[in-house]
Amino acid sequence: MAHNVIGTALQICSMNPLTGFIRNGCCETGPEDSGSHTVCAEVTEEFLVFSKAKGNDLSTPRPEYGFAGLKPGDRWCLCATRWHEAAEAGYAPPVVLEATHENALKIVSLADLKYHELR
């Protein structure tokens, strides 16, 4: 069973839109997930603009991949490195700790995640 950053069972991040590296709604990860899609965040307009400027456009629909595009308020499993980069730049979206995989702690600190916890 997968665990979250607070040591309990990993919870679902989002089923609509369907997220996760393996698209099961959870921020599960494995050796094939080189981006470590482990941080469950509720995306903001500021983060979406930041991510697009960094080369990862998450807001534009890509029907060929079955991706409708994200809008502010959607929950999504983000790459831990991109979330960390956004946090350092002041654009970190709020985090759902119960749905953030424990492997995120290899890249970001629990203190940073808790500071940005969705309330």
C-alpha atoms as a PDB file:
ATOM      1  CA  MET A   1       0.000   0.000   0.000  1.00  0.00           C
ATOM      2  CA  ALA A   2       1.253   3.465  -0.909  1.00  0.00           C
ATOM      3  CA  HIS A   3       1.687   6.068   1.834  1.00  0.00           C
ATOM      4  CA  ASN A   4       1.421   9.830   1.868  1.00  0.00           C
ATOM      5  CA  VAL A   5       3.822  12.396   3.317  1.00  0.00           C
ATOM      6  CA  ILE A   6       2.167  12.209   6.740  1.00  0.00           C
ATOM      7  CA  GLY A   7       2.556   8.434   6.953  1.00  0.00           C
ATOM      8  CA  THR A   8      -1.017   7.287   6.352  1.00  0.00           C
ATOM      9  CA  ALA A   9      -2.609   5.571   3.359  1.00  0.00           C
ATOM     10  CA  LEU A  10      -2.341   7.583   0.149  1.00  0.00           C
ATOM     11  CA  GLN A  11      -5.686   9.195  -0.700  1.00  0.00           C
ATOM     12  CA  ILE A  12      -7.167   9.984  -4.114  1.00  0.00           C
ATOM     13  CA  CYS A  13      -6.054  13.306  -5.554  1.00  0.00           C
ATOM     14  CA  SER A  14      -8.605  13.691  -8.360  1.00  0.00           C
ATOM     15  CA  MET A  15     -10.891  11.543 -10.472  1.00  0.00           C
ATOM     16  CA  ASN A  16     -12.174  14.524 -12.491  1.00  0.00           C
ATOM     17  CA  PRO A  17      -9.911  15.442 -14.085  1.00  0.00           C
ATOM     18  CA  LEU A  18      -8.378  11.984 -13.855  1.00  0.00           C
ATOM     19  CA  THR A  19      -4.838  12.474 -12.622  1.00  0.00           C
ATOM     20  CA  GLY A  20      -1.779  10.474 -11.656  1.00  0.00           C
ATOM     21  CA  PHE A  21       1.152   9.155 -13.629  1.00  0.00           C
ATOM     22  CA  ILE A  22      -0.817   5.963 -14.248  1.00  0.00           C
ATOM     23  CA  ARG A  23      -4.134   7.869 -14.420  1.00  0.00           C
ATOM     24  CA  ASN A  24      -5.820   6.153 -11.502  1.00  0.00           C
ATOM     25  CA  GLY A  25      -6.621   9.321  -9.534  1.00  0.00           C
ATOM     26  CA  CYS A  26      -3.702   8.872  -7.117  1.00  0.00           C
ATOM     27  CA  CYS A  27      -0.226  10.376  -7.097  1.00  0.00           C
ATOM     28  CA  GLU A  28       1.364   6.940  -7.139  1.00  0.00           C
ATOM     29  CA  THR A  29       4.805   6.551  -8.632  1.00  0.00           C
ATOM     30  CA  GLY A  30       7.249   3.921  -9.755  1.00  0.00           C
ATOM     31  CA  PRO A  31      10.592   3.515 -11.506  1.00  0.00           C
ATOM     32  CA  GLU A  32       9.119   4.504 -14.882  1.00  0.00           C
ATOM     33  CA  ASP A  33       7.904   7.864 -13.469  1.00  0.00           C
ATOM     34  CA  SER A  34      11.055   9.892 -14.066  1.00  0.00           C
ATOM     35  CA  GLY A  35       9.193  13.127 -13.256  1.00  0.00           C
ATOM     36  CA  SER A  36       8.027  11.951  -9.818  1.00  0.00           C
ATOM     37  CA  HIS A  37       4.369  13.008 -10.255  1.00  0.00           C
ATOM     38  CA  THR A  38       3.871  12.806  -6.498  1.00  0.00           C
ATOM     39  CA  VAL A  39       2.561  16.182  -5.273  1.00  0.00           C
ATOM     40  CA  CYS A  40      -1.223  16.521  -5.197  1.00  0.00           C
ATOM     41  CA  ALA A  41      -1.964  20.200  -5.661  1.00  0.00           C
ATOM     42  CA  GLU A  42      -4.964  22.371  -6.348  1.00  0.00           C
ATOM     43  CA  VAL A  43      -3.701  24.390  -9.291  1.00  0.00           C
ATOM     44  CA  THR A  44      -3.974  28.162  -9.383  1.00  0.00           C
ATOM     45  CA  GLU A  45      -3.959  30.554 -12.333  1.00  0.00           C
ATOM     46  CA  GLU A  46      -0.534  31.821 -11.214  1.00  0.00           C
ATOM     47  CA  PHE A  47       0.904  28.309 -11.160  1.00  0.00           C
ATOM     48  CA  LEU A  48      -0.555  27.451 -14.586  1.00  0.00           C
ATOM     49  CA  VAL A  49       1.038  30.593 -16.076  1.00  0.00           C
ATOM     50  CA  PHE A  50       4.353  29.771 -14.341  1.00  0.00           C
ATOM     51  CA  SER A  51       4.313  26.163 -15.570  1.00  0.00           C
ATOM     52  CA  LYS A  52       3.520  27.229 -19.137  1.00  0.00           C
ATOM     53  CA  ALA A  53       6.414  29.720 -19.059  1.00  0.00           C
ATOM     54  CA  LYS A  54       8.673  26.839 -17.975  1.00  0.00           C
ATOM     55  CA  GLY A  55       7.603  24.763 -20.977  1.00  0.00           C
ATOM     56  CA  ASN A  56       4.838  22.623 -19.481  1.00  0.00           C
ATOM     57  CA  ASP A  57       1.471  23.943 -20.653  1.00  0.00           C
ATOM     58  CA  LEU A  58      -1.116  22.303 -18.410  1.00  0.00           C
ATOM     59  CA  SER A  59      -4.013  24.587 -19.321  1.00  0.00           C
ATOM     60  CA  THR A  60      -4.348  23.967 -23.072  1.00  0.00           C
ATOM     61  CA  PRO A  61      -6.547  20.999 -24.012  1.00  0.00           C
ATOM     62  CA  ARG A  62      -4.716  18.184 -25.810  1.00  0.00           C
ATOM     63  CA  PRO A  63      -7.512  15.908 -27.068  1.00  0.00           C
ATOM     64  CA  GLU A  64      -5.019  13.643 -28.836  1.00  0.00           C
ATOM     65  CA  TYR A  65      -3.813  12.635 -25.355  1.00  0.00           C
ATOM     66  CA  GLY A  66      -7.267  12.666 -23.758  1.00  0.00           C
ATOM     67  CA  PHE A  67      -6.286  15.793 -21.802  1.00  0.00           C
ATOM     68  CA  ALA A  68      -8.942  18.488 -21.376  1.00  0.00           C
ATOM     69  CA  GLY A  69      -6.556  21.067 -19.899  1.00  0.00           C
ATOM     70  CA  LEU A  70      -6.519  22.237 -16.301  1.00  0.00           C
ATOM     71  CA  LYS A  71      -8.280  25.243 -14.850  1.00  0.00           C
ATOM     72  CA  PRO A  72      -7.764  26.927 -11.485  1.00  0.00           C
ATOM     73  CA  GLY A  73      -9.228  24.787  -8.716  1.00  0.00           C
ATOM     74  CA  ASP A  74      -8.499  21.457 -10.428  1.00  0.00           C
ATOM     75  CA  ARG A  75      -6.441  18.970  -8.435  1.00  0.00           C
ATOM     76  CA  TRP A  76      -3.505  17.389 -10.244  1.00  0.00           C
ATOM     77  CA  CYS A  77      -0.479  15.217  -9.469  1.00  0.00           C
ATOM     78  CA  LEU A  78       2.426  17.533 -10.163  1.00  0.00           C
ATOM     79  CA  CYS A  79       6.076  16.675 -10.658  1.00  0.00           C
ATOM     80  CA  ALA A  80       7.756  17.280  -7.312  1.00  0.00           C
ATOM     81  CA  THR A  81      10.619  19.179  -8.967  1.00  0.00           C
ATOM     82  CA  ARG A  82       8.219  21.568 -10.772  1.00  0.00           C
ATOM     83  CA  TRP A  83       6.237  22.136  -7.574  1.00  0.00           C
ATOM     84  CA  HIS A  84       9.499  22.866  -5.726  1.00  0.00           C
ATOM     85  CA  GLU A  85      10.612  25.221  -8.491  1.00  0.00           C
ATOM     86  CA  ALA A  86       7.247  27.019  -8.300  1.00  0.00           C
ATOM     87  CA  ALA A  87       7.541  27.271  -4.508  1.00  0.00           C
ATOM     88  CA  GLU A  88      10.964  28.888  -4.766  1.00  0.00           C
ATOM     89  CA  ALA A  89       9.570  31.389  -7.291  1.00  0.00           C
ATOM     90  CA  GLY A  90       6.514  32.177  -5.132  1.00  0.00           C
ATOM     91  CA  TYR A  91       3.929  30.356  -7.290  1.00  0.00           C
ATOM     92  CA  ALA A  92       3.406  27.075  -5.431  1.00  0.00           C
ATOM     93  CA  PRO A  93      -0.184  25.881  -5.581  1.00  0.00           C
ATOM     94  CA  PRO A  94      -1.718  24.547  -2.347  1.00  0.00           C
ATOM     95  CA  VAL A  95      -0.982  20.907  -1.518  1.00  0.00           C
ATOM     96  CA  VAL A  96      -3.280  18.096  -0.365  1.00  0.00           C
ATOM     97  CA  LEU A  97      -0.975  16.294   2.095  1.00  0.00           C
ATOM     98  CA  GLU A  98      -3.122  13.160   2.403  1.00  0.00           C
ATOM     99  CA  ALA A  99      -2.916  12.671  -1.390  1.00  0.00           C
ATOM    100  CA  THR A 100       0.786  13.563  -1.810  1.00  0.00           C
ATOM    101  CA  HIS A 101       2.970  10.461  -2.145  1.00  0.00           C
ATOM    102  CA  GLU A 102       5.753   9.984   0.411  1.00  0.00           C
ATOM    103  CA  ASN A 103       8.345   9.903  -2.402  1.00  0.00           C
ATOM    104  CA  ALA A 104       7.797  13.644  -2.839  1.00  0.00           C
ATOM    105  CA  LEU A 105       9.917  13.990   0.315  1.00  0.00           C
ATOM    106  CA  LYS A 106      12.975  12.931  -1.709  1.00  0.00           C
ATOM    107  CA  ILE A 107      12.674  16.295  -3.490  1.00  0.00           C
ATOM    108  CA  VAL A 108      10.758  18.672  -1.205  1.00  0.00           C
ATOM    109  CA  SER A 109      10.641  19.020   2.557  1.00  0.00           C
ATOM    110  CA  LEU A 110       7.620  18.182   4.649  1.00  0.00           C
ATOM    111  CA  ALA A 111       7.892  21.670   6.155  1.00  0.00           C
ATOM    112  CA  ASP A 112       7.527  23.277   2.702  1.00  0.00           C
ATOM    113  CA  LEU A 113       4.578  21.040   1.849  1.00  0.00           C
ATOM    114  CA  LYS A 114       2.890  21.816   5.177  1.00  0.00           C
ATOM    115  CA  TYR A 115       3.474  25.545   4.677  1.00  0.00           C
ATOM    116  CA  HIS A 116       1.513  25.286   1.410  1.00  0.00           C
ATOM    117  CA  GLU A 117      -1.112  22.864   2.725  1.00  0.00           C
ATOM    118  CA  LEU A 118      -4.599  23.372   1.281  1.00  0.00           C
ATOM    119  CA  ARG A 119      -6.793  24.771   4.024  1.00  0.00           C
END
